[in-house]
Amino acid sequence: MERMDDDSTNSKLDALWLEYRNAFPDPEPSANFMPNLWQKIEARRVETTSVFRRLAQACVMATVAATLIIVVLIPRIQREPVYTATYVDILDAAHPMDAAQLLDSGDVQ
């Protein structure tokens, strides 16, 4: 019984191999077989890496643009503050009389 199963499995496998050989015949051997094969491999590799290369170039350009904005525009935007005096200096300039003068003049209520 076991021998019959092996024979039927082998015949099915042989039929499968025959069908495979008919579907995919051997390429014609020539001196250019390997160079042509490598050209096909390289062409596929270039197609897939070109997408990543373009993405990397876009990221680099965005980084360069952001760096230029940071280096050139931000210092121009950040100018010296409008007010160079403190709040106390402004109050002192607005009211030149000090507390002792106010008490002497009698204007304090």
N, C-alpha and C. Protein backbone atom coordinates (compact mmCIF):
# COMPACT_ATOMS: atom_id res chain seq x y z
N MET A 1 0.83 -1.19 0.00
CA MET A 1 0.00 0.00 0.00
C MET A 1 0.87 1.26 0.00
N GLU A 2 1.91 1.23 0.81
CA GLU A 2 2.80 2.38 0.91
C GLU A 2 3.54 2.61 -0.40
N ARG A 3 3.87 1.56 -1.08
CA ARG A 3 4.59 1.66 -2.34
C ARG A 3 3.72 2.32 -3.41
N MET A 4 2.42 2.04 -3.41
CA MET A 4 1.51 2.63 -4.38
C MET A 4 1.37 4.14 -4.15
N ASP A 5 1.34 4.58 -2.90
CA ASP A 5 1.25 6.00 -2.59
C ASP A 5 2.49 6.74 -3.08
N ASP A 6 3.66 6.12 -2.90
CA ASP A 6 4.90 6.75 -3.37
C ASP A 6 4.91 6.88 -4.88
N ASP A 7 4.43 5.84 -5.58
CA ASP A 7 4.40 5.89 -7.04
C ASP A 7 3.44 6.96 -7.55
N SER A 8 2.27 7.08 -6.92
CA SER A 8 1.31 8.10 -7.37
C SER A 8 1.81 9.51 -7.05
N THR A 9 2.48 9.65 -5.90
CA THR A 9 3.05 10.96 -5.54
C THR A 9 4.17 11.33 -6.50
N ASN A 10 5.01 10.36 -6.83
CA ASN A 10 6.10 10.63 -7.77
C ASN A 10 5.57 10.97 -9.16
N SER A 11 4.54 10.28 -9.60
CA SER A 11 3.98 10.57 -10.93
C SER A 11 3.33 11.96 -10.94
N LYS A 12 2.65 12.33 -9.86
CA LYS A 12 2.07 13.68 -9.78
C LYS A 12 3.16 14.74 -9.77
N LEU A 13 4.23 14.45 -9.04
CA LEU A 13 5.34 15.41 -8.98
C LEU A 13 6.03 15.53 -10.33
N ASP A 14 6.21 14.41 -11.02
CA ASP A 14 6.82 14.45 -12.36
C ASP A 14 5.93 15.24 -13.32
N ALA A 15 4.64 15.05 -13.23
CA ALA A 15 3.71 15.79 -14.09
C ALA A 15 3.78 17.29 -13.78
N LEU A 16 3.91 17.62 -12.52
CA LEU A 16 4.03 19.03 -12.12
C LEU A 16 5.31 19.65 -12.67
N TRP A 17 6.41 18.91 -12.58
CA TRP A 17 7.69 19.42 -13.10
C TRP A 17 7.62 19.58 -14.61
N LEU A 18 6.99 18.66 -15.31
CA LEU A 18 6.85 18.76 -16.76
C LEU A 18 6.03 19.98 -17.14
N GLU A 19 4.95 20.21 -16.40
CA GLU A 19 4.11 21.39 -16.66
C GLU A 19 4.90 22.68 -16.40
N TYR A 20 5.73 22.67 -15.36
CA TYR A 20 6.54 23.85 -15.03
C TYR A 20 7.56 24.12 -16.14
N ARG A 21 8.21 23.07 -16.63
CA ARG A 21 9.20 23.25 -17.71
C ARG A 21 8.55 23.78 -18.98
N ASN A 22 7.33 23.33 -19.25
CA ASN A 22 6.63 23.82 -20.44
C ASN A 22 6.21 25.28 -20.28
N ALA A 23 5.85 25.67 -19.06
CA ALA A 23 5.41 27.05 -18.80
C ALA A 23 6.58 28.01 -18.81
N PHE A 24 7.72 27.58 -18.27
CA PHE A 24 8.91 28.44 -18.19
C PHE A 24 10.09 27.73 -18.84
N PRO A 25 10.25 27.90 -20.13
CA PRO A 25 11.36 27.23 -20.80
C PRO A 25 12.70 27.84 -20.36
N ASP A 26 13.74 27.08 -20.52
CA ASP A 26 15.09 27.56 -20.18
C ASP A 26 15.48 28.67 -21.13
N PRO A 27 16.12 29.73 -20.63
CA PRO A 27 16.56 30.79 -21.53
C PRO A 27 17.70 30.29 -22.41
N GLU A 28 17.80 30.91 -23.54
CA GLU A 28 18.87 30.53 -24.46
C GLU A 28 20.21 30.93 -23.86
N PRO A 29 21.13 29.99 -23.77
CA PRO A 29 22.45 30.34 -23.23
C PRO A 29 23.23 31.17 -24.24
N SER A 30 23.81 32.25 -23.72
CA SER A 30 24.65 33.09 -24.57
C SER A 30 25.69 33.77 -23.70
N ALA A 31 26.61 34.46 -24.34
CA ALA A 31 27.67 35.14 -23.59
C ALA A 31 27.12 36.34 -22.82
N ASN A 32 25.99 36.88 -23.25
CA ASN A 32 25.43 38.06 -22.61
C ASN A 32 24.36 37.72 -21.58
N PHE A 33 24.19 36.48 -21.23
CA PHE A 33 23.12 36.11 -20.31
C PHE A 33 23.28 36.80 -18.95
N MET A 34 24.43 36.66 -18.31
CA MET A 34 24.62 37.27 -16.99
C MET A 34 24.63 38.80 -17.05
N PRO A 35 25.32 39.43 -18.01
CA PRO A 35 25.23 40.90 -18.06
C PRO A 35 23.80 41.40 -18.27
N ASN A 36 23.04 40.72 -19.12
CA ASN A 36 21.64 41.13 -19.33
C ASN A 36 20.82 40.94 -18.06
N LEU A 37 21.08 39.85 -17.38
CA LEU A 37 20.37 39.59 -16.13
C LEU A 37 20.67 40.69 -15.10
N TRP A 38 21.94 41.07 -14.97
CA TRP A 38 22.30 42.13 -14.02
C TRP A 38 21.73 43.49 -14.44
N GLN A 39 21.64 43.73 -15.74
CA GLN A 39 21.02 44.98 -16.19
C GLN A 39 19.56 45.04 -15.78
N LYS A 40 18.86 43.92 -15.88
CA LYS A 40 17.46 43.89 -15.46
C LYS A 40 17.34 44.10 -13.95
N ILE A 41 18.24 43.48 -13.19
CA ILE A 41 18.21 43.64 -11.73
C ILE A 41 18.50 45.09 -11.35
N GLU A 42 19.50 45.69 -11.97
CA GLU A 42 19.84 47.09 -11.67
C GLU A 42 18.71 48.03 -12.06
N ALA A 43 18.04 47.76 -13.17
CA ALA A 43 16.92 48.62 -13.59
C ALA A 43 15.81 48.60 -12.54
N ARG A 44 15.51 47.43 -12.02
CA ARG A 44 14.48 47.35 -10.98
C ARG A 44 14.94 48.03 -9.70
N ARG A 45 16.20 47.88 -9.36
CA ARG A 45 16.72 48.49 -8.14
C ARG A 45 16.68 50.01 -8.25
N VAL A 46 17.01 50.55 -9.40
CA VAL A 46 17.01 52.01 -9.59
C VAL A 46 15.59 52.54 -9.47
N GLU A 47 14.61 51.82 -9.98
CA GLU A 47 13.22 52.28 -9.88
C GLU A 47 12.77 52.40 -8.43
N THR A 48 13.12 51.43 -7.60
CA THR A 48 12.68 51.48 -6.21
C THR A 48 13.47 52.49 -5.41
N THR A 49 14.76 52.63 -5.69
CA THR A 49 15.55 53.58 -4.90
C THR A 49 15.32 55.01 -5.34
N SER A 50 14.84 55.22 -6.57
CA SER A 50 14.62 56.60 -7.01
C SER A 50 13.51 57.25 -6.20
N VAL A 51 12.53 56.48 -5.77
CA VAL A 51 11.45 57.03 -4.93
C VAL A 51 12.04 57.51 -3.60
N PHE A 52 12.88 56.69 -2.99
CA PHE A 52 13.48 57.08 -1.72
C PHE A 52 14.48 58.22 -1.91
N ARG A 53 15.17 58.23 -3.03
CA ARG A 53 16.11 59.32 -3.31
C ARG A 53 15.37 60.64 -3.44
N ARG A 54 14.25 60.62 -4.14
CA ARG A 54 13.46 61.86 -4.29
C ARG A 54 12.91 62.32 -2.95
N LEU A 55 12.46 61.38 -2.14
CA LEU A 55 11.95 61.74 -0.82
C LEU A 55 13.06 62.34 0.04
N ALA A 56 14.24 61.75 -0.01
CA ALA A 56 15.36 62.28 0.76
C ALA A 56 15.76 63.66 0.26
N GLN A 57 15.76 63.87 -1.05
CA GLN A 57 16.10 65.19 -1.58
C GLN A 57 15.07 66.23 -1.17
N ALA A 58 13.81 65.86 -1.15
CA ALA A 58 12.77 66.80 -0.71
C ALA A 58 12.95 67.16 0.76
N CYS A 59 13.30 66.17 1.59
CA CYS A 59 13.53 66.44 3.01
C CYS A 59 14.74 67.35 3.21
N VAL A 60 15.78 67.12 2.44
CA VAL A 60 16.98 67.97 2.55
C VAL A 60 16.65 69.40 2.13
N MET A 61 15.91 69.57 1.05
CA MET A 61 15.55 70.91 0.61
C MET A 61 14.66 71.62 1.63
N ALA A 62 13.75 70.90 2.23
CA ALA A 62 12.90 71.50 3.27
C ALA A 62 13.73 71.91 4.48
N THR A 63 14.71 71.10 4.83
CA THR A 63 15.59 71.43 5.95
C THR A 63 16.43 72.66 5.65
N VAL A 64 16.94 72.74 4.42
CA VAL A 64 17.73 73.92 4.03
C VAL A 64 16.87 75.18 4.06
N ALA A 65 15.65 75.08 3.56
CA ALA A 65 14.75 76.23 3.57
C ALA A 65 14.42 76.67 4.99
N ALA A 66 14.15 75.71 5.87
CA ALA A 66 13.85 76.04 7.26
C ALA A 66 15.06 76.67 7.95
N THR A 67 16.25 76.18 7.65
CA THR A 67 17.46 76.74 8.23
C THR A 67 17.67 78.17 7.77
N LEU A 68 17.46 78.43 6.48
CA LEU A 68 17.60 79.80 5.97
C LEU A 68 16.59 80.73 6.62
N ILE A 69 15.38 80.26 6.79
CA ILE A 69 14.36 81.09 7.45
C ILE A 69 14.79 81.42 8.87
N ILE A 70 15.27 80.41 9.57
CA ILE A 70 15.68 80.63 10.95
C ILE A 70 16.86 81.58 11.03
N VAL A 71 17.84 81.39 10.16
CA VAL A 71 19.08 82.18 10.23
C VAL A 71 18.88 83.60 9.72
N VAL A 72 18.09 83.78 8.66
CA VAL A 72 17.99 85.09 8.02
C VAL A 72 16.80 85.90 8.54
N LEU A 73 15.64 85.32 8.58
CA LEU A 73 14.45 86.10 8.88
C LEU A 73 14.21 86.36 10.36
N ILE A 74 14.47 85.41 11.19
CA ILE A 74 14.16 85.59 12.62
C ILE A 74 14.98 86.71 13.24
N PRO A 75 16.28 86.84 12.98
CA PRO A 75 16.99 88.00 13.55
C PRO A 75 16.45 89.34 13.06
N ARG A 76 15.96 89.38 11.82
CA ARG A 76 15.39 90.63 11.32
C ARG A 76 14.06 90.94 12.00
N ILE A 77 13.32 89.93 12.34
CA ILE A 77 12.03 90.14 13.01
C ILE A 77 12.25 90.58 14.45
N GLN A 78 13.24 90.01 15.09
CA GLN A 78 13.51 90.35 16.50
C GLN A 78 14.37 91.60 16.56
N ARG A 79 13.72 92.73 16.73
CA ARG A 79 14.44 94.00 16.87
C ARG A 79 14.55 94.34 18.34
N GLU A 80 15.22 95.43 18.60
CA GLU A 80 15.33 95.87 19.99
C GLU A 80 13.95 96.25 20.50
N PRO A 81 13.70 96.06 21.76
CA PRO A 81 12.38 96.40 22.29
C PRO A 81 12.09 97.89 22.14
N VAL A 82 10.82 98.21 22.02
CA VAL A 82 10.40 99.61 21.85
C VAL A 82 10.71 100.39 23.12
N TYR A 83 10.48 99.79 24.24
CA TYR A 83 10.70 100.48 25.51
C TYR A 83 12.05 100.04 26.07
N THR A 84 12.92 101.04 26.27
CA THR A 84 14.23 100.73 26.85
C THR A 84 14.28 101.05 28.33
N ALA A 85 13.25 101.71 28.82
CA ALA A 85 13.20 102.06 30.24
C ALA A 85 12.28 101.10 30.98
N THR A 86 12.50 101.02 32.28
CA THR A 86 11.63 100.18 33.10
C THR A 86 10.38 100.95 33.48
N TYR A 87 9.44 100.26 34.07
CA TYR A 87 8.20 100.87 34.50
C TYR A 87 8.45 101.94 35.56
N VAL A 88 9.39 101.69 36.44
CA VAL A 88 9.71 102.65 37.50
C VAL A 88 10.33 103.91 36.91
N ASP A 89 11.18 103.76 35.90
CA ASP A 89 11.78 104.93 35.26
C ASP A 89 10.72 105.80 34.59
N ILE A 90 9.74 105.19 33.96
CA ILE A 90 8.68 105.94 33.31
C ILE A 90 7.84 106.69 34.34
N LEU A 91 7.52 106.05 35.47
CA LEU A 91 6.76 106.72 36.52
C LEU A 91 7.56 107.88 37.12
N ASP A 92 8.84 107.68 37.29
CA ASP A 92 9.69 108.73 37.85
C ASP A 92 9.75 109.93 36.91
N ALA A 93 9.81 109.66 35.61
CA ALA A 93 9.86 110.76 34.65
C ALA A 93 8.52 111.49 34.59
N ALA A 94 7.43 110.80 34.78
CA ALA A 94 6.11 111.42 34.72
C ALA A 94 5.82 112.26 35.96
N HIS A 95 6.37 111.89 37.10
CA HIS A 95 6.17 112.61 38.35
C HIS A 95 7.53 112.98 38.92
N PRO A 96 8.06 114.11 38.51
CA PRO A 96 9.42 114.47 38.93
C PRO A 96 9.54 114.81 40.42
N MET A 97 8.43 115.14 41.04
CA MET A 97 8.54 115.47 42.46
C MET A 97 8.62 114.19 43.28
N ASP A 98 9.53 114.14 44.19
CA ASP A 98 9.63 112.96 45.05
C ASP A 98 8.71 113.12 46.26
N ALA A 99 8.68 112.16 47.10
CA ALA A 99 7.76 112.13 48.23
C ALA A 99 8.03 113.27 49.21
N ALA A 100 9.29 113.62 49.43
CA ALA A 100 9.61 114.71 50.37
C ALA A 100 9.08 116.04 49.84
N GLN A 101 9.18 116.26 48.55
CA GLN A 101 8.67 117.50 47.98
C GLN A 101 7.15 117.56 48.08
N LEU A 102 6.49 116.44 47.91
CA LEU A 102 5.03 116.40 48.03
C LEU A 102 4.59 116.76 49.45
N LEU A 103 5.31 116.24 50.44
CA LEU A 103 4.95 116.54 51.83
C LEU A 103 5.18 118.00 52.17
N ASP A 104 6.25 118.56 51.64
CA ASP A 104 6.55 119.97 51.90
C ASP A 104 5.54 120.90 51.24
N SER A 105 5.09 120.51 50.05
CA SER A 105 4.20 121.42 49.34
C SER A 105 2.79 121.38 49.91
N GLY A 106 2.42 120.34 50.62
CA GLY A 106 1.12 120.25 51.22
C GLY A 106 0.03 119.80 50.26
N ASP A 107 0.39 119.31 49.12
CA ASP A 107 -0.61 118.87 48.13
C ASP A 107 -1.17 117.47 48.45
N VAL A 108 -0.61 116.83 49.43
CA VAL A 108 -1.05 115.47 49.74
C VAL A 108 -2.33 115.56 50.54
N GLN A 109 -3.28 114.79 50.21
CA GLN A 109 -4.54 114.83 50.91
C GLN A 109 -4.73 113.61 51.75
